[in-house]
Amino acid sequence: MKLHIVPAQTGFTWVKLGVQAFRRQPLALAALFFLSFVAMSLLASVPVLGNIASLVLLPSVTLAMMVATGESIQGHTPTPALLLITFRKGRQHLRHMLLLGALYAAGFLGIMALSALVDGGRFAQVYMDGTPVTAQMASDPSFQKAMWTATVLSLPLSLLFWHAPGLVHWHGVPPVKALFFSLMACVRNVGACLVFLFSWLGIGVLGALVISIISLLLGLGGEGVGSLLMGAAMMMATMILSCAVFIFRDCFEPPESLLHGAHNETTPPPPTAGSN
């Protein structure tokens, strides 16, 4: 398993390949993401333990979307059975993925606990329980500080876990070591990651603007606009997760199943930064 360094413009290629992969199997990938979203939401509705369980399973859901994209670029149709891939590859793989999920849950809950020290737990309650945000709450400096505290701390958590499910699944890397290599891959390829991030931010802003204009022309009410925005957000989230497998493929020595995908564009072979 080798870590590769890619040029900054590769971030644009990741976006393009993710969109192309989504266009190959839009219904299958969107349905898989929607099904996982509903399942996680239902699980999170169970008090206390449900929230924790949904956090533990989040890396497994990310892995399922990566594998589904891999199936798509090979010309296969992803099925909902991929959501169970963590449970179908042996006990050691299951233990590693559940440990990875437990580490993610611990990190996320730790961030919520730190934000609670700032505003007494109001932001954490909104985030975890779906408590409505009032105008008074949103204008409260302590609530805003808690929100930014959680946002800033979530970035390193995301970097730690971005590649980790793929490293555990395809390369058999132990969870803690996978977190280290995931972070190093993001840090060493920070240029490409920033280009990728800001490209999707731009797409999101442009998409929201287009939806607002169309809604205004059609005279849609608030509920109609909200439905369109929610649908667009879910489609965009599916495409972003579809990009993950290409980012993984370019940052690490890819498994054989990802070397021969039927995509229209590939990135040049990157230099090797190190090996394991």
Protein backbone atom coordinates (compact mmCIF):
# COMPACT_ATOMS: atom_id res chain seq x y z
CA MET A 1 0.00 0.00 0.00
CA LYS A 2 1.61 3.22 -1.23
CA LEU A 3 0.67 6.85 -0.71
CA HIS A 4 0.62 8.94 -3.89
CA ILE A 5 0.93 12.70 -4.37
CA VAL A 6 -1.31 14.22 -7.04
CA PRO A 7 -1.33 17.73 -8.58
CA ALA A 8 -3.90 20.25 -7.38
CA GLN A 9 -5.90 20.16 -10.64
CA THR A 10 -6.70 16.52 -9.93
CA GLY A 11 -9.41 17.87 -7.63
CA PHE A 12 -11.36 18.94 -10.74
CA THR A 13 -10.92 15.47 -12.24
CA TRP A 14 -12.32 13.85 -9.09
CA VAL A 15 -15.44 15.99 -9.39
CA LYS A 16 -15.81 15.14 -13.08
CA LEU A 17 -15.34 11.39 -12.56
CA GLY A 18 -17.80 11.34 -9.66
CA VAL A 19 -20.45 13.04 -11.79
CA GLN A 20 -19.75 10.66 -14.68
CA ALA A 21 -20.07 7.64 -12.39
CA PHE A 22 -23.39 8.98 -11.07
CA ARG A 23 -24.66 9.49 -14.61
CA ARG A 24 -23.93 5.83 -15.39
CA GLN A 25 -26.25 4.57 -12.64
CA PRO A 26 -28.20 7.59 -11.32
CA LEU A 27 -31.24 5.69 -10.08
CA ALA A 28 -29.27 2.88 -8.43
CA LEU A 29 -26.79 5.18 -6.69
CA ALA A 30 -29.44 7.71 -5.64
CA ALA A 31 -31.68 4.91 -4.34
CA LEU A 32 -28.80 3.39 -2.38
CA PHE A 33 -27.96 6.75 -0.80
CA PHE A 34 -31.64 7.46 -0.02
CA LEU A 35 -32.12 4.02 1.49
CA SER A 36 -29.04 4.45 3.70
CA PHE A 37 -30.21 7.94 4.68
CA VAL A 38 -33.65 6.66 5.71
CA ALA A 39 -32.18 3.69 7.58
CA MET A 40 -29.73 5.90 9.49
CA SER A 41 -32.48 8.42 10.29
CA LEU A 42 -34.76 5.71 11.64
CA LEU A 43 -31.94 4.28 13.71
CA ALA A 44 -31.04 7.72 15.05
CA SER A 45 -34.66 8.25 16.15
CA VAL A 46 -34.14 5.64 18.86
CA PRO A 47 -33.17 7.61 22.01
CA VAL A 48 -29.47 7.65 22.96
CA LEU A 49 -28.37 4.22 21.69
CA GLY A 50 -29.86 4.82 18.24
CA ASN A 51 -27.79 7.96 17.72
CA ILE A 52 -24.63 6.17 18.79
CA ALA A 53 -25.38 3.15 16.57
CA SER A 54 -25.97 5.38 13.53
CA LEU A 55 -22.59 7.04 14.10
CA VAL A 56 -20.86 3.67 14.44
CA LEU A 57 -22.34 2.49 11.15
CA LEU A 58 -21.53 5.66 9.19
CA PRO A 59 -18.11 4.45 7.91
CA SER A 60 -19.82 1.27 6.69
CA VAL A 61 -22.34 3.35 4.75
CA THR A 62 -19.49 5.37 3.22
CA LEU A 63 -17.77 2.13 2.22
CA ALA A 64 -21.00 0.82 0.66
CA MET A 65 -21.24 3.95 -1.53
CA MET A 66 -17.59 3.58 -2.57
CA VAL A 67 -18.10 -0.05 -3.52
CA ALA A 68 -21.32 0.86 -5.34
CA THR A 69 -19.45 3.45 -7.40
CA GLY A 70 -16.80 0.85 -8.17
CA GLU A 71 -19.57 -1.46 -9.41
CA SER A 72 -20.98 1.36 -11.52
CA ILE A 73 -17.72 2.16 -13.32
CA GLN A 74 -17.35 -1.54 -14.14
CA GLY A 75 -20.71 -1.54 -15.86
CA HIS A 76 -22.61 -3.33 -13.08
CA THR A 77 -25.77 -2.14 -11.35
CA PRO A 78 -25.29 -1.53 -7.59
CA THR A 79 -27.92 -3.16 -5.38
CA PRO A 80 -29.11 -2.39 -1.83
CA ALA A 81 -27.32 -5.56 -0.69
CA LEU A 82 -24.10 -3.54 -0.77
CA LEU A 83 -25.24 -1.80 2.41
CA LEU A 84 -24.46 -5.09 4.17
CA ILE A 85 -20.98 -5.45 2.72
CA THR A 86 -19.36 -4.81 6.11
CA PHE A 87 -21.17 -7.86 7.49
CA ARG A 88 -20.36 -10.16 4.57
CA LYS A 89 -16.55 -10.14 4.39
CA GLY A 90 -15.60 -12.10 7.47
CA ARG A 91 -15.37 -11.51 11.19
CA GLN A 92 -12.06 -9.67 11.18
CA HIS A 93 -13.31 -7.21 8.56
CA LEU A 94 -16.50 -6.71 10.57
CA ARG A 95 -14.54 -6.10 13.80
CA HIS A 96 -12.27 -3.59 12.07
CA MET A 97 -15.17 -1.69 10.52
CA LEU A 98 -17.13 -1.61 13.77
CA LEU A 99 -14.02 -0.42 15.62
CA LEU A 100 -13.57 2.26 12.98
CA GLY A 101 -17.19 3.26 13.52
CA ALA A 102 -16.76 3.30 17.30
CA LEU A 103 -13.75 5.60 16.92
CA TYR A 104 -15.79 7.89 14.68
CA ALA A 105 -18.67 7.93 17.16
CA ALA A 106 -16.27 8.73 20.01
CA GLY A 107 -14.70 11.57 18.02
CA PHE A 108 -18.05 13.03 16.98
CA LEU A 109 -19.54 12.81 20.46
CA GLY A 110 -16.36 14.37 21.85
CA ILE A 111 -16.85 17.32 19.49
CA MET A 112 -20.47 17.69 20.62
CA ALA A 113 -19.32 17.58 24.26
CA LEU A 114 -16.79 20.36 23.64
CA SER A 115 -19.44 22.47 21.91
CA ALA A 116 -21.73 21.91 24.91
CA LEU A 117 -19.11 23.53 27.14
CA VAL A 118 -19.56 26.70 25.09
CA ASP A 119 -23.36 27.06 25.01
CA GLY A 120 -24.66 24.61 27.58
CA GLY A 121 -25.49 21.94 24.99
CA ARG A 122 -28.05 23.79 22.87
CA PHE A 123 -26.18 23.33 19.58
CA ALA A 124 -25.54 19.65 20.38
CA GLN A 125 -29.25 19.19 21.08
CA VAL A 126 -30.15 20.77 17.74
CA TYR A 127 -27.63 18.62 15.88
CA MET A 128 -28.34 15.34 17.64
CA ASP A 129 -32.08 15.56 18.32
CA GLY A 130 -33.28 17.82 15.52
CA THR A 131 -34.51 20.49 17.92
CA PRO A 132 -35.76 23.50 15.88
CA VAL A 133 -33.49 26.55 15.80
CA THR A 134 -35.29 29.69 16.92
CA ALA A 135 -34.32 33.19 15.81
CA GLN A 136 -33.27 34.02 19.36
CA MET A 137 -31.10 30.91 19.55
CA ALA A 138 -29.44 31.60 16.18
CA SER A 139 -28.54 35.16 17.22
CA ASP A 140 -27.06 34.07 20.54
CA PRO A 141 -23.24 34.55 20.47
CA SER A 142 -22.66 31.44 22.58
CA PHE A 143 -24.73 29.29 20.19
CA GLN A 144 -22.81 30.68 17.22
CA LYS A 145 -19.51 30.04 18.98
CA ALA A 146 -20.55 26.45 19.72
CA MET A 147 -21.54 25.95 16.08
CA TRP A 148 -18.18 27.21 14.80
CA THR A 149 -16.32 25.17 17.40
CA ALA A 150 -18.04 22.01 16.17
CA THR A 151 -17.50 22.97 12.52
CA VAL A 152 -13.77 23.59 12.94
CA LEU A 153 -13.22 20.41 14.97
CA SER A 154 -15.20 18.34 12.46
CA LEU A 155 -12.65 19.06 9.72
CA PRO A 156 -9.77 16.99 11.16
CA LEU A 157 -12.29 14.27 12.06
CA SER A 158 -13.39 14.14 8.42
CA LEU A 159 -9.79 13.96 7.20
CA LEU A 160 -9.06 11.08 9.55
CA PHE A 161 -12.01 9.05 8.27
CA TRP A 162 -12.16 10.06 4.57
CA HIS A 163 -10.00 7.20 3.28
CA ALA A 164 -10.13 4.92 6.33
CA PRO A 165 -13.07 2.70 5.24
CA GLY A 166 -11.39 2.02 1.89
CA LEU A 167 -8.05 1.26 3.54
CA VAL A 168 -9.67 -1.24 5.90
CA HIS A 169 -11.75 -2.84 3.15
CA TRP A 170 -9.36 -3.04 0.19
CA HIS A 171 -5.96 -3.10 1.88
CA GLY A 172 -6.76 -4.76 5.21
CA VAL A 173 -5.16 -1.90 7.17
CA PRO A 174 -6.01 -1.93 10.92
CA PRO A 175 -8.40 0.91 11.94
CA VAL A 176 -5.98 3.15 13.87
CA LYS A 177 -3.32 2.83 11.19
CA ALA A 178 -5.97 3.53 8.54
CA LEU A 179 -6.83 6.81 10.29
CA PHE A 180 -3.17 7.85 10.21
CA PHE A 181 -2.75 7.08 6.51
CA SER A 182 -6.06 8.78 5.69
CA LEU A 183 -4.93 11.96 7.41
CA MET A 184 -1.53 11.84 5.73
CA ALA A 185 -3.12 11.36 2.30
CA CYS A 186 -5.32 14.42 2.80
CA VAL A 187 -2.47 16.55 4.16
CA ARG A 188 0.01 15.55 1.43
CA ASN A 189 -2.65 16.16 -1.24
CA VAL A 190 -4.07 19.30 0.34
CA GLY A 191 -4.05 21.21 -2.96
CA ALA A 192 -6.22 18.68 -4.77
CA CYS A 193 -8.48 18.32 -1.73
CA LEU A 194 -9.04 22.09 -1.55
CA VAL A 195 -9.80 22.29 -5.27
CA PHE A 196 -12.27 19.42 -4.82
CA LEU A 197 -13.89 21.09 -1.80
CA PHE A 198 -14.27 24.53 -3.35
CA SER A 199 -15.50 23.04 -6.64
CA TRP A 200 -18.38 21.37 -4.84
CA LEU A 201 -19.06 24.51 -2.78
CA GLY A 202 -19.34 26.45 -6.03
CA ILE A 203 -21.62 23.81 -7.54
CA GLY A 204 -23.80 23.90 -4.41
CA VAL A 205 -24.15 27.69 -4.45
CA LEU A 206 -24.88 27.74 -8.19
CA GLY A 207 -27.42 24.94 -7.85
CA ALA A 208 -29.23 26.72 -5.02
CA LEU A 209 -29.32 29.93 -7.10
CA VAL A 210 -30.76 28.12 -10.12
CA ILE A 211 -33.42 26.41 -7.99
CA SER A 212 -34.36 29.75 -6.39
CA ILE A 213 -34.76 31.39 -9.82
CA ILE A 214 -36.84 28.50 -11.18
CA SER A 215 -39.01 28.50 -8.06
CA LEU A 216 -39.57 32.24 -8.41
CA LEU A 217 -40.55 31.90 -12.07
CA LEU A 218 -42.94 29.04 -11.30
CA GLY A 219 -44.38 30.78 -8.24
CA LEU A 220 -43.59 27.90 -5.91
CA GLY A 221 -44.20 28.36 -2.20
CA GLY A 222 -41.79 27.73 0.64
CA GLU A 223 -42.59 24.02 0.83
CA GLY A 224 -41.99 23.56 -2.90
CA VAL A 225 -38.66 25.35 -2.75
CA GLY A 226 -37.67 23.32 0.30
CA SER A 227 -38.50 20.04 -1.46
CA LEU A 228 -36.46 21.02 -4.51
CA LEU A 229 -33.51 22.05 -2.36
CA MET A 230 -33.68 18.83 -0.35
CA GLY A 231 -33.78 16.72 -3.51
CA ALA A 232 -30.87 18.62 -5.03
CA ALA A 233 -28.87 18.33 -1.80
CA MET A 234 -29.35 14.56 -1.68
CA MET A 235 -28.36 14.19 -5.33
CA MET A 236 -25.26 16.30 -4.74
CA ALA A 237 -24.35 14.29 -1.64
CA THR A 238 -24.63 11.10 -3.70
CA MET A 239 -22.28 12.51 -6.34
CA ILE A 240 -19.78 13.66 -3.70
CA LEU A 241 -19.70 10.15 -2.23
CA SER A 242 -19.32 8.81 -5.78
CA CYS A 243 -16.12 10.86 -6.03
CA ALA A 244 -14.65 9.18 -2.94
CA VAL A 245 -13.59 6.02 -4.73
CA PHE A 246 -11.64 8.01 -7.36
CA ILE A 247 -9.90 10.04 -4.66
CA PHE A 248 -8.98 6.81 -2.89
CA ARG A 249 -7.77 5.23 -6.14
CA ASP A 250 -5.46 8.16 -6.91
CA CYS A 251 -4.11 8.65 -3.38
CA PHE A 252 -3.26 4.99 -2.75
CA GLU A 253 -2.18 1.97 -4.70
CA PRO A 254 -5.60 0.97 -6.05
CA PRO A 255 -7.01 -2.54 -5.78
CA GLU A 256 -7.39 -4.45 -9.03
CA SER A 257 -11.15 -3.88 -9.07
CA LEU A 258 -10.62 -0.11 -9.38
CA LEU A 259 -7.86 -0.19 -11.99
CA HIS A 260 -10.04 -1.09 -14.94
CA GLY A 261 -13.17 0.98 -14.40
CA ALA A 262 -15.02 2.03 -17.51
CA HIS A 263 -14.68 5.78 -16.92
CA ASN A 264 -13.85 8.19 -19.70
CA GLU A 265 -10.94 9.95 -18.08
CA THR A 266 -8.12 8.89 -15.83
CA THR A 267 -5.51 10.82 -13.94
CA PRO A 268 -1.83 10.36 -14.81
CA PRO A 269 0.19 7.98 -12.63
CA PRO A 270 1.13 10.05 -9.53
CA PRO A 271 4.53 9.93 -7.81
CA THR A 272 4.88 7.72 -4.78
CA ALA A 273 5.31 9.49 -1.44
CA GLY A 274 5.95 6.45 0.67
CA SER A 275 5.01 2.90 1.27
CA ASN A 276 3.83 0.60 3.94
